[in-house]
Amino acid sequence: MDDRSPDRMQGVRRLKLAAEVALEQGRDKHAYKFLEDALQMLGPHYTLPGAMDDTRIGHLAAQDLHRRGDVRRAAEWLMTVLTTRLRLLGLGEQKAGRQCPSCGATNPEGDPFCGQCGSPMGMQTEAPAPRSATVMCPQCGRAVPLGKKFCAWCGTPRA
């Protein structure tokens, strides 16, 4: 079977949905297992050199949290990793947002700077929703989602 076959991708999406339901119901161990299985289905050959480094690190962090017994946070990290990998592969849900006038990347509504190239996006209208699986900007201290190269608030390259 082709690794990008519709059946395989449907299976990945079903596992992701099962994990979302399990997390809502407080069945953290089940959610973690569903997400591990979904990532396994994507396989190691679904890597994009450089762009996937953050998801590899996120996956390792989730495994470490799981070993320490924090299964809930581990499952939340894996959900972010899976969602990011699917989006980077062009297989995930596309989020609404504005296009950067410089590079064309889609950014969340309200971000004053592009998360991909750091260019100004225009007037800030409201604060963006909180994000999980982030790193702190070294300049302004705000959260920068994994996968973004620049802070959406000040335009500083991510550390």
Protein backbone atom coordinates (compact mmCIF):
# COMPACT_ATOMS: atom_id res chain seq x y z
CA MET A 1 0.00 0.00 0.00
CA ASP A 2 1.27 3.50 -0.86
CA ASP A 3 2.25 5.27 2.36
CA ARG A 4 0.21 8.32 1.42
CA SER A 5 -2.79 6.28 0.39
CA PRO A 6 -6.20 7.66 1.33
CA ASP A 7 -6.82 4.61 3.54
CA ARG A 8 -3.67 5.23 5.58
CA MET A 9 -4.34 8.95 5.93
CA GLN A 10 -7.96 8.20 6.90
CA GLY A 11 -6.61 5.87 9.59
CA VAL A 12 -4.32 8.61 10.90
CA ARG A 13 -7.22 11.07 11.04
CA ARG A 14 -9.46 8.52 12.81
CA LEU A 15 -6.78 7.90 15.44
CA LYS A 16 -6.39 11.66 15.91
CA LEU A 17 -10.14 12.05 16.39
CA ALA A 18 -10.21 9.12 18.84
CA ALA A 19 -7.39 10.78 20.78
CA GLU A 20 -9.28 14.10 20.91
CA VAL A 21 -12.34 12.33 22.33
CA ALA A 22 -10.22 10.37 24.82
CA LEU A 23 -8.58 13.59 26.04
CA GLU A 24 -11.98 15.24 26.49
CA GLN A 25 -13.11 12.23 28.53
CA GLY A 26 -9.96 12.21 30.67
CA ARG A 27 -8.70 8.92 29.23
CA ASP A 28 -5.15 10.20 28.85
CA LYS A 29 -3.43 6.81 28.44
CA HIS A 30 -5.77 5.91 25.58
CA ALA A 31 -5.20 9.28 23.92
CA TYR A 32 -1.43 8.86 24.18
CA LYS A 33 -1.62 5.38 22.60
CA PHE A 34 -3.88 6.57 19.76
CA LEU A 35 -1.48 9.43 18.98
CA GLU A 36 1.61 7.20 19.09
CA ASP A 37 -0.14 4.82 16.67
CA ALA A 38 -1.06 7.69 14.34
CA LEU A 39 2.53 8.97 14.29
CA GLN A 40 3.75 5.42 13.68
CA MET A 41 1.40 5.20 10.68
CA LEU A 42 3.01 8.31 9.19
CA GLY A 43 6.35 6.53 9.42
CA PRO A 44 9.90 7.87 9.61
CA HIS A 45 10.05 8.54 5.87
CA TYR A 46 7.54 11.37 6.34
CA THR A 47 10.27 13.80 7.26
CA LEU A 48 10.98 17.14 5.71
CA PRO A 49 14.64 17.99 6.34
CA GLY A 50 14.96 20.90 8.75
CA ALA A 51 11.25 21.72 8.91
CA MET A 52 10.50 18.61 10.95
CA ASP A 53 13.13 19.17 13.66
CA ASP A 54 10.60 20.81 15.98
CA THR A 55 8.20 17.89 15.70
CA ARG A 56 10.99 15.39 16.44
CA ILE A 57 11.92 17.38 19.54
CA GLY A 58 8.25 17.62 20.54
CA HIS A 59 7.86 13.86 20.15
CA LEU A 60 10.90 13.22 22.34
CA ALA A 61 9.57 15.66 24.94
CA ALA A 62 6.22 13.84 24.97
CA GLN A 63 7.95 10.49 25.44
CA ASP A 64 9.96 11.94 28.33
CA LEU A 65 6.80 13.32 29.98
CA HIS A 66 5.15 9.90 29.56
CA ARG A 67 8.10 8.16 31.24
CA ARG A 68 7.81 10.62 34.15
CA GLY A 69 4.12 9.78 34.55
CA ASP A 70 2.63 13.03 33.20
CA VAL A 71 0.50 11.25 30.61
CA ARG A 72 -1.93 14.14 30.09
CA ARG A 73 0.78 16.61 29.08
CA ALA A 74 2.49 13.91 27.02
CA ALA A 75 -0.72 13.30 25.07
CA GLU A 76 -1.22 17.04 24.56
CA TRP A 77 2.33 17.33 23.17
CA LEU A 78 1.74 14.39 20.84
CA MET A 79 -1.48 15.98 19.59
CA THR A 80 0.46 19.11 18.71
CA VAL A 81 3.22 17.07 17.05
CA LEU A 82 0.72 15.10 14.95
CA THR A 83 -1.23 18.20 13.93
CA THR A 84 1.98 20.00 12.97
CA ARG A 85 3.33 17.05 10.97
CA LEU A 86 0.06 16.69 9.07
CA ARG A 87 0.00 20.42 8.31
CA LEU A 88 3.65 20.43 7.17
CA LEU A 89 2.90 17.50 4.88
CA GLY A 90 -0.10 19.33 3.43
CA LEU A 91 -2.48 16.73 4.91
CA GLY A 92 -3.96 18.63 7.83
CA GLU A 93 -6.75 21.07 8.30
CA GLN A 94 -5.89 24.53 7.05
CA LYS A 95 -6.42 27.22 9.64
CA ALA A 96 -8.01 30.51 8.70
CA GLY A 97 -5.73 33.49 8.83
CA ARG A 98 -4.08 36.26 6.89
CA GLN A 99 -1.44 35.89 4.23
CA CYS A 100 1.90 37.60 4.76
CA PRO A 101 2.40 40.39 2.22
CA SER A 102 6.10 39.46 1.90
CA CYS A 103 6.30 35.65 1.75
CA GLY A 104 2.65 34.54 1.39
CA ALA A 105 2.64 32.33 4.51
CA THR A 106 -0.68 31.99 6.34
CA ASN A 107 -0.59 33.47 9.84
CA PRO A 108 -3.22 33.48 12.61
CA GLU A 109 -5.53 36.49 12.69
CA GLY A 110 -4.15 39.20 14.93
CA ASP A 111 -0.44 38.35 14.68
CA PRO A 112 1.40 41.62 13.95
CA PHE A 113 4.45 39.85 12.43
CA CYS A 114 4.75 36.87 10.10
CA GLY A 115 5.76 33.69 11.91
CA GLN A 116 7.66 32.50 8.83
CA CYS A 117 9.68 35.51 7.61
CA GLY A 118 9.27 38.09 10.42
CA SER A 119 7.74 40.80 8.21
CA PRO A 120 5.08 43.12 9.67
CA MET A 121 1.54 41.89 9.02
CA GLY A 122 -0.18 45.23 9.55
CA MET A 123 -2.33 46.63 12.35
CA GLN A 124 -2.85 44.42 15.43
CA THR A 125 -6.55 44.10 16.18
CA GLU A 126 -6.66 41.66 19.12
CA ALA A 127 -4.47 39.24 21.02
CA PRO A 128 -4.17 35.77 19.47
CA ALA A 129 -5.54 32.71 21.23
CA PRO A 130 -3.13 30.91 23.57
CA ARG A 131 -1.11 28.17 21.91
CA SER A 132 0.20 24.88 23.24
CA ALA A 133 3.58 23.36 22.39
CA THR A 134 5.42 26.65 22.20
CA VAL A 135 8.78 28.12 23.02
CA MET A 136 9.35 31.53 24.54
CA CYS A 137 10.57 34.40 22.38
CA PRO A 138 14.02 35.51 23.58
CA GLN A 139 13.16 39.18 22.92
CA CYS A 140 9.61 39.78 24.18
CA GLY A 141 8.94 36.58 26.17
CA ARG A 142 5.73 35.69 24.34
CA ALA A 143 4.89 32.16 23.18
CA VAL A 144 6.07 31.14 19.69
CA PRO A 145 4.43 27.95 18.30
CA LEU A 146 6.66 25.09 17.27
CA GLY A 147 7.24 25.26 13.52
CA LYS A 148 7.41 29.08 13.40
CA LYS A 149 10.80 30.63 12.72
CA PHE A 150 9.96 34.14 13.97
CA CYS A 151 7.97 35.62 16.85
CA ALA A 152 4.58 36.84 15.63
CA TRP A 153 4.65 39.74 18.14
CA CYS A 154 8.08 41.32 17.73
CA GLY A 155 9.52 39.61 14.62
CA THR A 156 12.58 38.23 16.42
CA PRO A 157 14.01 34.96 15.06
CA ARG A 158 13.15 32.06 17.33
CA ALA A 159 16.00 30.77 19.50
